[in-house]
Amino acid sequence: MNTRIYFGRLPDSVTEQELTDLFSTYGNIVNVHIAADHTGFVTMITPEGARAAIQSLNGKALSSGILILSEAARKEEWVGIMNGPANPRRRPSYLY
């Protein structure tokens, strides 16, 4: 099962190839995505490789910045966060 690593505060000069090279020492990389705000995700094949990368690289210097890494929440987890608690009595009604 693929595991996504979230990163934040990435320096402007860092490329997807640099991140691929950096993270590939901990396991196989599925893909790397850098967003416009210099945050993004690295997707690794195994959870063990992702955890090893997070443990080794979190807080380390990269170019002119510091890597801030964490395991990304699964879609099932963030859907619950976005929609609030699963209590049907507390959901807003859209009937007018």
PDB file of N, CA and C in Angstrom:
ATOM      1  N   MET A   1       0.835  -1.171   0.000  1.00  0.00           N
ATOM      2  CA  MET A   1       0.000   0.000   0.000  1.00  0.00           C
ATOM      3  C   MET A   1       0.885   1.240   0.000  1.00  0.00           C
ATOM      4  N   ASN A   2       0.597   2.191  -0.876  1.00  0.00           N
ATOM      5  CA  ASN A   2       1.377   3.413  -0.974  1.00  0.00           C
ATOM      6  C   ASN A   2       1.161   4.305   0.242  1.00  0.00           C
ATOM      7  N   THR A   3       2.215   5.003   0.632  1.00  0.00           N
ATOM      8  CA  THR A   3       2.158   5.915   1.762  1.00  0.00           C
ATOM      9  C   THR A   3       2.631   7.280   1.311  1.00  0.00           C
ATOM     10  N   ARG A   4       1.839   8.301   1.621  1.00  0.00           N
ATOM     11  CA  ARG A   4       2.178   9.656   1.219  1.00  0.00           C
ATOM     12  C   ARG A   4       2.824  10.399   2.372  1.00  0.00           C
ATOM     13  N   ILE A   5       3.874  11.145   2.036  1.00  0.00           N
ATOM     14  CA  ILE A   5       4.567  11.993   2.987  1.00  0.00           C
ATOM     15  C   ILE A   5       4.273  13.439   2.601  1.00  0.00           C
ATOM     16  N   TYR A   6       3.762  14.205   3.549  1.00  0.00           N
ATOM     17  CA  TYR A   6       3.504  15.623   3.317  1.00  0.00           C
ATOM     18  C   TYR A   6       4.758  16.403   3.681  1.00  0.00           C
ATOM     19  N   PHE A   7       5.100  17.389   2.865  1.00  0.00           N
ATOM     20  CA  PHE A   7       6.201  18.277   3.233  1.00  0.00           C
ATOM     21  C   PHE A   7       5.745  19.728   3.113  1.00  0.00           C
ATOM     22  N   GLY A   8       6.295  20.551   3.971  1.00  0.00           N
ATOM     23  CA  GLY A   8       5.996  21.973   3.975  1.00  0.00           C
ATOM     24  C   GLY A   8       7.273  22.782   4.035  1.00  0.00           C
ATOM     25  N   ARG A   9       7.149  24.077   3.751  1.00  0.00           N
ATOM     26  CA  ARG A   9       8.286  25.006   3.818  1.00  0.00           C
ATOM     27  C   ARG A   9       9.439  24.610   2.913  1.00  0.00           C
ATOM     28  N   LEU A  10       9.153  24.212   1.714  1.00  0.00           N
ATOM     29  CA  LEU A  10      10.203  23.799   0.786  1.00  0.00           C
ATOM     30  C   LEU A  10      10.818  25.033   0.133  1.00  0.00           C
ATOM     31  N   PRO A  11      12.145  25.132   0.065  1.00  0.00           N
ATOM     32  CA  PRO A  11      12.772  26.267  -0.609  1.00  0.00           C
ATOM     33  C   PRO A  11      12.380  26.318  -2.094  1.00  0.00           C
ATOM     34  N   ASP A  12      12.326  27.509  -2.654  1.00  0.00           N
ATOM     35  CA  ASP A  12      11.934  27.692  -4.049  1.00  0.00           C
ATOM     36  C   ASP A  12      12.826  26.943  -5.028  1.00  0.00           C
ATOM     37  N   SER A  13      14.084  26.780  -4.690  1.00  0.00           N
ATOM     38  CA  SER A  13      15.051  26.205  -5.624  1.00  0.00           C
ATOM     39  C   SER A  13      15.006  24.677  -5.710  1.00  0.00           C
ATOM     40  N   VAL A  14      14.297  24.002  -4.815  1.00  0.00           N
ATOM     41  CA  VAL A  14      14.271  22.534  -4.798  1.00  0.00           C
ATOM     42  C   VAL A  14      13.366  22.017  -5.918  1.00  0.00           C
ATOM     43  N   THR A  15      13.857  21.003  -6.633  1.00  0.00           N
ATOM     44  CA  THR A  15      13.104  20.421  -7.746  1.00  0.00           C
ATOM     45  C   THR A  15      12.556  19.051  -7.373  1.00  0.00           C
ATOM     46  N   GLU A  16      11.628  18.559  -8.185  1.00  0.00           N
ATOM     47  CA  GLU A  16      11.074  17.218  -7.969  1.00  0.00           C
ATOM     48  C   GLU A  16      12.161  16.157  -8.102  1.00  0.00           C
ATOM     49  N   GLN A  17      13.115  16.365  -9.017  1.00  0.00           N
ATOM     50  CA  GLN A  17      14.202  15.396  -9.186  1.00  0.00           C
ATOM     51  C   GLN A  17      15.078  15.323  -7.939  1.00  0.00           C
ATOM     52  N   GLU A  18      15.350  16.463  -7.312  1.00  0.00           N
ATOM     53  CA  GLU A  18      16.142  16.469  -6.078  1.00  0.00           C
ATOM     54  C   GLU A  18      15.426  15.696  -4.973  1.00  0.00           C
ATOM     55  N   LEU A  19      14.114  15.908  -4.851  1.00  0.00           N
ATOM     56  CA  LEU A  19      13.355  15.182  -3.836  1.00  0.00           C
ATOM     57  C   LEU A  19      13.312  13.687  -4.143  1.00  0.00           C
ATOM     58  N   THR A  20      13.163  13.334  -5.397  1.00  0.00           N
ATOM     59  CA  THR A  20      13.170  11.916  -5.787  1.00  0.00           C
ATOM     60  C   THR A  20      14.492  11.275  -5.401  1.00  0.00           C
ATOM     61  N   ASP A  21      15.599  11.940  -5.709  1.00  0.00           N
ATOM     62  CA  ASP A  21      16.918  11.413  -5.356  1.00  0.00           C
ATOM     63  C   ASP A  21      17.081  11.291  -3.842  1.00  0.00           C
ATOM     64  N   LEU A  22      16.599  12.281  -3.104  1.00  0.00           N
ATOM     65  CA  LEU A  22      16.734  12.294  -1.650  1.00  0.00           C
ATOM     66  C   LEU A  22      15.931  11.165  -1.005  1.00  0.00           C
ATOM     67  N   PHE A  23      14.661  11.017  -1.396  1.00  0.00           N
ATOM     68  CA  PHE A  23      13.785  10.036  -0.766  1.00  0.00           C
ATOM     69  C   PHE A  23      14.020   8.616  -1.273  1.00  0.00           C
ATOM     70  N   SER A  24      14.583   8.455  -2.453  1.00  0.00           N
ATOM     71  CA  SER A  24      14.763   7.114  -3.012  1.00  0.00           C
ATOM     72  C   SER A  24      15.766   6.274  -2.224  1.00  0.00           C
ATOM     73  N   THR A  25      16.576   6.896  -1.386  1.00  0.00           N
ATOM     74  CA  THR A  25      17.491   6.117  -0.551  1.00  0.00           C
ATOM     75  C   THR A  25      16.739   5.334   0.529  1.00  0.00           C
ATOM     76  N   TYR A  26      15.466   5.689   0.773  1.00  0.00           N
ATOM     77  CA  TYR A  26      14.667   5.021   1.800  1.00  0.00           C
ATOM     78  C   TYR A  26      13.645   4.047   1.229  1.00  0.00           C
ATOM     79  N   GLY A  27      13.529   3.990  -0.088  1.00  0.00           N
ATOM     80  CA  GLY A  27      12.590   3.068  -0.722  1.00  0.00           C
ATOM     81  C   GLY A  27      12.176   3.582  -2.085  1.00  0.00           C
ATOM     82  N   ASN A  28      11.319   2.813  -2.739  1.00  0.00           N
ATOM     83  CA  ASN A  28      10.856   3.175  -4.076  1.00  0.00           C
ATOM     84  C   ASN A  28       9.837   4.308  -4.010  1.00  0.00           C
ATOM     85  N   ILE A  29       9.979   5.250  -4.927  1.00  0.00           N
ATOM     86  CA  ILE A  29       9.113   6.423  -5.013  1.00  0.00           C
ATOM     87  C   ILE A  29       8.072   6.192  -6.104  1.00  0.00           C
ATOM     88  N   VAL A  30       6.809   6.466  -5.792  1.00  0.00           N
ATOM     89  CA  VAL A  30       5.752   6.391  -6.792  1.00  0.00           C
ATOM     90  C   VAL A  30       5.694   7.707  -7.549  1.00  0.00           C
ATOM     91  N   ASN A  31       5.612   8.824  -6.816  1.00  0.00           N
ATOM     92  CA  ASN A  31       5.646  10.141  -7.452  1.00  0.00           C
ATOM     93  C   ASN A  31       5.986  11.221  -6.434  1.00  0.00           C
ATOM     94  N   VAL A  32       6.322  12.394  -6.975  1.00  0.00           N
ATOM     95  CA  VAL A  32       6.625  13.571  -6.173  1.00  0.00           C
ATOM     96  C   VAL A  32       5.799  14.714  -6.755  1.00  0.00           C
ATOM     97  N   HIS A  33       5.139  15.458  -5.881  1.00  0.00           N
ATOM     98  CA  HIS A  33       4.346  16.603  -6.339  1.00  0.00           C
ATOM     99  C   HIS A  33       4.674  17.813  -5.477  1.00  0.00           C
ATOM    100  N   ILE A  34       5.103  18.896  -6.138  1.00  0.00           N
ATOM    101  CA  ILE A  34       5.363  20.158  -5.447  1.00  0.00           C
ATOM    102  C   ILE A  34       4.263  21.132  -5.862  1.00  0.00           C
ATOM    103  N   ALA A  35       3.546  21.660  -4.881  1.00  0.00           N
ATOM    104  CA  ALA A  35       2.472  22.612  -5.153  1.00  0.00           C
ATOM    105  C   ALA A  35       3.045  24.019  -5.328  1.00  0.00           C
ATOM    106  N   ALA A  36       2.207  24.928  -5.795  1.00  0.00           N
ATOM    107  CA  ALA A  36       2.635  26.310  -6.041  1.00  0.00           C
ATOM    108  C   ALA A  36       3.101  27.008  -4.764  1.00  0.00           C
ATOM    109  N   ASP A  37       2.553  26.612  -3.609  1.00  0.00           N
ATOM    110  CA  ASP A  37       2.950  27.243  -2.346  1.00  0.00           C
ATOM    111  C   ASP A  37       4.143  26.549  -1.693  1.00  0.00           C
ATOM    112  N   HIS A  38       4.832  25.709  -2.450  1.00  0.00           N
ATOM    113  CA  HIS A  38       6.049  25.003  -2.016  1.00  0.00           C
ATOM    114  C   HIS A  38       5.792  24.010  -0.887  1.00  0.00           C
ATOM    115  N   THR A  39       4.600  23.470  -0.876  1.00  0.00           N
ATOM    116  CA  THR A  39       4.289  22.312  -0.054  1.00  0.00           C
ATOM    117  C   THR A  39       3.999  21.185  -1.037  1.00  0.00           C
ATOM    118  N   GLY A  40       3.786  19.976  -0.545  1.00  0.00           N
ATOM    119  CA  GLY A  40       3.467  18.900  -1.468  1.00  0.00           C
ATOM    120  C   GLY A  40       3.583  17.538  -0.838  1.00  0.00           C
ATOM    121  N   PHE A  41       3.715  16.537  -1.715  1.00  0.00           N
ATOM    122  CA  PHE A  41       3.717  15.154  -1.280  1.00  0.00           C
ATOM    123  C   PHE A  41       4.773  14.347  -2.011  1.00  0.00           C
ATOM    124  N   VAL A  42       5.331  13.384  -1.290  1.00  0.00           N
ATOM    125  CA  VAL A  42       6.143  12.325  -1.878  1.00  0.00           C
ATOM    126  C   VAL A  42       5.392  11.039  -1.573  1.00  0.00           C
ATOM    127  N   THR A  43       5.096  10.253  -2.584  1.00  0.00           N
ATOM    128  CA  THR A  43       4.394   8.989  -2.387  1.00  0.00           C
ATOM    129  C   THR A  43       5.392   7.857  -2.519  1.00  0.00           C
ATOM    130  N   MET A  44       5.478   7.049  -1.457  1.00  0.00           N
ATOM    131  CA  MET A  44       6.401   5.911  -1.436  1.00  0.00           C
ATOM    132  C   MET A  44       5.605   4.615  -1.432  1.00  0.00           C
ATOM    133  N   ILE A  45       6.226   3.542  -1.909  1.00  0.00           N
ATOM    134  CA  ILE A  45       5.533   2.265  -2.042  1.00  0.00           C
ATOM    135  C   ILE A  45       5.230   1.628  -0.695  1.00  0.00           C
ATOM    136  N   THR A  46       6.182   1.688   0.239  1.00  0.00           N
ATOM    137  CA  THR A  46       5.967   1.001   1.516  1.00  0.00           C
ATOM    138  C   THR A  46       5.863   1.990   2.676  1.00  0.00           C
ATOM    139  N   PRO A  47       5.033   1.678   3.662  1.00  0.00           N
ATOM    140  CA  PRO A  47       4.955   2.527   4.851  1.00  0.00           C
ATOM    141  C   PRO A  47       6.266   2.552   5.633  1.00  0.00           C
ATOM    142  N   GLU A  48       6.986   1.435   5.611  1.00  0.00           N
ATOM    143  CA  GLU A  48       8.264   1.371   6.336  1.00  0.00           C
ATOM    144  C   GLU A  48       9.271   2.362   5.745  1.00  0.00           C
ATOM    145  N   GLY A  49       9.343   2.419   4.417  1.00  0.00           N
ATOM    146  CA  GLY A  49      10.243   3.364   3.760  1.00  0.00           C
ATOM    147  C   GLY A  49       9.857   4.800   4.048  1.00  0.00           C
ATOM    148  N   ALA A  50       8.547   5.071   4.042  1.00  0.00           N
ATOM    149  CA  ALA A  50       8.062   6.428   4.330  1.00  0.00           C
ATOM    150  C   ALA A  50       8.407   6.827   5.755  1.00  0.00           C
ATOM    151  N   ARG A  51       8.189   5.925   6.704  1.00  0.00           N
ATOM    152  CA  ARG A  51       8.501   6.246   8.107  1.00  0.00           C
ATOM    153  C   ARG A  51       9.997   6.452   8.322  1.00  0.00           C
ATOM    154  N   ALA A  52      10.811   5.628   7.644  1.00  0.00           N
ATOM    155  CA  ALA A  52      12.267   5.789   7.757  1.00  0.00           C
ATOM    156  C   ALA A  52      12.708   7.129   7.182  1.00  0.00           C
ATOM    157  N   ALA A  53      12.109   7.549   6.069  1.00  0.00           N
ATOM    158  CA  ALA A  53      12.445   8.841   5.462  1.00  0.00           C
ATOM    159  C   ALA A  53      12.037   9.977   6.381  1.00  0.00           C
ATOM    160  N   ILE A  54      10.843   9.901   6.957  1.00  0.00           N
ATOM    161  CA  ILE A  54      10.381  10.943   7.863  1.00  0.00           C
ATOM    162  C   ILE A  54      11.299  11.037   9.072  1.00  0.00           C
ATOM    163  N   GLN A  55      11.633   9.895   9.650  1.00  0.00           N
ATOM    164  CA  GLN A  55      12.477   9.880  10.847  1.00  0.00           C
ATOM    165  C   GLN A  55      13.861  10.446  10.554  1.00  0.00           C
ATOM    166  N   SER A  56      14.414  10.129   9.394  1.00  0.00           N
ATOM    167  CA  SER A  56      15.770  10.571   9.065  1.00  0.00           C
ATOM    168  C   SER A  56      15.844  11.994   8.535  1.00  0.00           C
ATOM    169  N   LEU A  57      14.836  12.421   7.778  1.00  0.00           N
ATOM    170  CA  LEU A  57      14.939  13.695   7.073  1.00  0.00           C
ATOM    171  C   LEU A  57      14.189  14.856   7.725  1.00  0.00           C
ATOM    172  N   ASN A  58      13.251  14.580   8.607  1.00  0.00           N
ATOM    173  CA  ASN A  58      12.472  15.657   9.218  1.00  0.00           C
ATOM    174  C   ASN A  58      13.377  16.575  10.028  1.00  0.00           C
ATOM    175  N   GLY A  59      13.321  17.867   9.731  1.00  0.00           N
ATOM    176  CA  GLY A  59      14.142  18.841  10.436  1.00  0.00           C
ATOM    177  C   GLY A  59      15.527  19.037   9.855  1.00  0.00           C
ATOM    178  N   LYS A  60      15.852  18.314   8.800  1.00  0.00           N
ATOM    179  CA  LYS A  60      17.176  18.429   8.182  1.00  0.00           C
ATOM    180  C   LYS A  60      17.199  19.588   7.191  1.00  0.00           C
ATOM    181  N   ALA A  61      18.391  20.135   6.970  1.00  0.00           N
ATOM    182  CA  ALA A  61      18.565  21.237   6.027  1.00  0.00           C
ATOM    183  C   ALA A  61      18.537  20.711   4.592  1.00  0.00           C
ATOM    184  N   LEU A  62      17.855  21.467   3.742  1.00  0.00           N
ATOM    185  CA  LEU A  62      17.824  21.165   2.314  1.00  0.00           C
ATOM    186  C   LEU A  62      17.875  22.492   1.583  1.00  0.00           C
ATOM    187  N   SER A  63      18.908  22.681   0.774  1.00  0.00           N
ATOM    188  CA  SER A  63      19.162  23.967   0.107  1.00  0.00           C
ATOM    189  C   SER A  63      19.210  25.060   1.170  1.00  0.00           C
ATOM    190  N   SER A  64      18.319  26.029   1.093  1.00  0.00           N
ATOM    191  CA  SER A  64      18.342  27.131   2.050  1.00  0.00           C
ATOM    192  C   SER A  64      17.225  27.022   3.084  1.00  0.00           C
ATOM    193  N   GLY A  65      16.653  25.830   3.225  1.00  0.00           N
ATOM    194  CA  GLY A  65      15.541  25.666   4.162  1.00  0.00           C
ATOM    195  C   GLY A  65      15.645  24.394   4.981  1.00  0.00           C
ATOM    196  N   ILE A  66      14.632  24.163   5.767  1.00  0.00           N
ATOM    197  CA  ILE A  66      14.545  22.990   6.631  1.00  0.00           C
ATOM    198  C   ILE A  66      13.346  22.159   6.185  1.00  0.00           C
ATOM    199  N   LEU A  67      13.529  20.842   6.055  1.00  0.00           N
ATOM    200  CA  LEU A  67      12.425  19.955   5.685  1.00  0.00           C
ATOM    201  C   LEU A  67      11.495  19.740   6.871  1.00  0.00           C
ATOM    202  N   ILE A  68      10.220  19.929   6.649  1.00  0.00           N
ATOM    203  CA  ILE A  68       9.186  19.641   7.640  1.00  0.00           C
ATOM    204  C   ILE A  68       8.336  18.532   7.045  1.00  0.00           C
ATOM    205  N   LEU A  69       8.418  17.329   7.601  1.00  0.00           N
ATOM    206  CA  LEU A  69       7.755  16.151   7.034  1.00  0.00           C
ATOM    207  C   LEU A  69       6.781  15.532   8.017  1.00  0.00           C
ATOM    208  N   SER A  70       5.727  14.942   7.482  1.00  0.00           N
ATOM    209  CA  SER A  70       4.806  14.150   8.283  1.00  0.00           C
ATOM    210  C   SER A  70       4.076  13.195   7.357  1.00  0.00           C
ATOM    211  N   GLU A  71       3.574  12.119   7.939  1.00  0.00           N
ATOM    212  CA  GLU A  71       2.788  11.192   7.141  1.00  0.00           C
ATOM    213  C   GLU A  71       1.446  11.850   6.842  1.00  0.00           C
ATOM    214  N   ALA A  72       1.075  11.861   5.582  1.00  0.00           N
ATOM    215  CA  ALA A  72      -0.169  12.517   5.166  1.00  0.00           C
ATOM    216  C   ALA A  72      -1.364  11.711   5.636  1.00  0.00           C
ATOM    217  N   ALA A  73      -2.440  12.409   5.994  1.00  0.00           N
ATOM    218  CA  ALA A  73      -3.680  11.738   6.400  1.00  0.00           C
ATOM    219  C   ALA A  73      -4.292  11.036   5.197  1.00  0.00           C
ATOM    220  N   ARG A  74      -4.874   9.886   5.435  1.00  0.00           N
ATOM    221  CA  ARG A  74      -5.553   9.164   4.365  1.00  0.00           C
ATOM    222  C   ARG A  74      -6.849   9.882   4.030  1.00  0.00           C
ATOM    223  N   LYS A  75      -7.353   9.657   2.834  1.00  0.00           N
ATOM    224  CA  LYS A  75      -8.572  10.332   2.399  1.00  0.00           C
ATOM    225  C   LYS A  75      -9.723  10.080   3.364  1.00  0.00           C
ATOM    226  N   GLU A  76      -9.815   8.867   3.898  1.00  0.00           N
ATOM    227  CA  GLU A  76     -10.900   8.564   4.828  1.00  0.00           C
ATOM    228  C   GLU A  76     -10.807   9.442   6.068  1.00  0.00           C
ATOM    229  N   GLU A  77      -9.586   9.767   6.492  1.00  0.00           N
ATOM    230  CA  GLU A  77      -9.397  10.577   7.687  1.00  0.00           C
ATOM    231  C   GLU A  77      -9.742  12.032   7.436  1.00  0.00           C
ATOM    232  N   TRP A  78      -9.277  12.602   6.303  1.00  0.00           N
ATOM    233  CA  TRP A  78      -9.526  14.025   6.104  1.00  0.00           C
ATOM    234  C   TRP A  78     -10.937  14.308   5.637  1.00  0.00           C
ATOM    235  N   VAL A  79     -11.633  13.338   5.078  1.00  0.00           N
ATOM    236  CA  VAL A  79     -13.045  13.558   4.751  1.00  0.00           C
ATOM    237  C   VAL A  79     -13.823  13.757   6.042  1.00  0.00           C
ATOM    238  N   GLY A  80     -13.518  12.965   7.057  1.00  0.00           N
ATOM    239  CA  GLY A  80     -14.179  13.130   8.348  1.00  0.00           C
ATOM    240  C   GLY A  80     -13.863  14.468   8.983  1.00  0.00           C
ATOM    241  N   ILE A  81     -12.647  14.930   8.825  1.00  0.00           N
ATOM    242  CA  ILE A  81     -12.249  16.222   9.370  1.00  0.00           C
ATOM    243  C   ILE A  81     -12.994  17.342   8.651  1.00  0.00           C
ATOM    244  N   MET A  82     -13.115  17.238   7.340  1.00  0.00           N
ATOM    245  CA  MET A  82     -13.760  18.281   6.552  1.00  0.00           C
ATOM    246  C   MET A  82     -15.262  18.360   6.835  1.00  0.00           C
ATOM    247  N   ASN A  83     -15.901  17.225   7.037  1.00  0.00           N
ATOM    248  CA  ASN A  83     -17.348  17.197   7.216  1.00  0.00           C
ATOM    249  C   ASN A  83     -17.789  17.293   8.668  1.00  0.00           C
ATOM    250  N   GLY A  84     -16.874  17.224   9.592  1.00  0.00           N
ATOM    251  CA  GLY A  84     -17.226  17.267  11.003  1.00  0.00           C
ATOM    252  C   GLY A  84     -17.613  15.893  11.506  1.00  0.00           C
ATOM    253  N   PRO A  85     -18.093  15.826  12.734  1.00  0.00           N
ATOM    254  CA  PRO A  85     -18.441  14.536  13.322  1.00  0.00           C
ATOM    255  C   PRO A  85     -19.623  13.901  12.593  1.00  0.00           C
ATOM    256  N   ALA A  86     -19.633  12.584  12.614  1.00  0.00           N
ATOM    257  CA  ALA A  86     -20.680  11.833  11.925  1.00  0.00           C
ATOM    258  C   ALA A  86     -21.900  11.685  12.815  1.00  0.00           C
ATOM    259  N   ASN A  87     -22.535  12.796  13.142  1.00  0.00           N
ATOM    260  CA  ASN A  87     -23.730  12.804  13.961  1.00  0.00           C
ATOM    261  C   ASN A  87     -24.848  13.428  13.130  1.00  0.00           C
ATOM    262  N   PRO A  88     -25.790  12.624  12.656  1.00  0.00           N
ATOM    263  CA  PRO A  88     -26.804  13.161  11.749  1.00  0.00           C
ATOM    264  C   PRO A  88     -27.665  14.257  12.369  1.00  0.00           C
ATOM    265  N   ARG A  89     -27.822  14.290  13.691  1.00  0.00           N
ATOM    266  CA  ARG A  89     -28.614  15.336  14.329  1.00  0.00           C
ATOM    267  C   ARG A  89     -27.906  16.681  14.316  1.00  0.00           C
ATOM    268  N   ARG A  90     -26.580  16.680  14.140  1.00  0.00           N
ATOM    269  CA  ARG A  90     -25.813  17.913  14.200  1.00  0.00           C
ATOM    270  C   ARG A  90     -25.516  18.485  12.814  1.00  0.00           C
ATOM    271  N   ARG A  91     -25.890  17.781  11.759  1.00  0.00           N
ATOM    272  CA  ARG A  91     -25.617  18.271  10.410  1.00  0.00           C
ATOM    273  C   ARG A  91     -26.617  19.355  10.033  1.00  0.00           C
ATOM    274  N   PRO A  92     -26.173  20.327   9.262  1.00  0.00           N
ATOM    275  CA  PRO A  92     -27.109  21.384   8.864  1.00  0.00           C
ATOM    276  C   PRO A  92     -28.151  20.863   7.882  1.00  0.00           C
ATOM    277  N   SER A  93     -29.293  21.422   7.957  1.00  0.00           N
ATOM    278  CA  SER A  93     -30.386  21.055   7.062  1.00  0.00           C
ATOM    279  C   SER A  93     -30.430  22.042   5.907  1.00  0.00           C
ATOM    280  N   TYR A  94     -30.591  21.515   4.718  1.00  0.00           N
ATOM    281  CA  TYR A  94     -30.671  22.369   3.552  1.00  0.00           C
ATOM    282  C   TYR A  94     -32.101  22.405   3.001  1.00  0.00           C
ATOM    283  N   LEU A  95     -33.061  21.971   3.799  1.00  0.00           N
ATOM    284  CA  LEU A  95     -34.461  22.043   3.398  1.00  0.00           C
ATOM    285  C   LEU A  95     -35.016  23.397   3.824  1.00  0.00           C
ATOM    286  N   TYR A  96     -35.668  24.064   2.917  1.00  0.00           N
ATOM    287  CA  TYR A  96     -36.170  25.407   3.236  1.00  0.00           C
ATOM    288  C   TYR A  96     -37.678  25.421   3.255  1.00  0.00           C
TER     289      TYR A  96
END
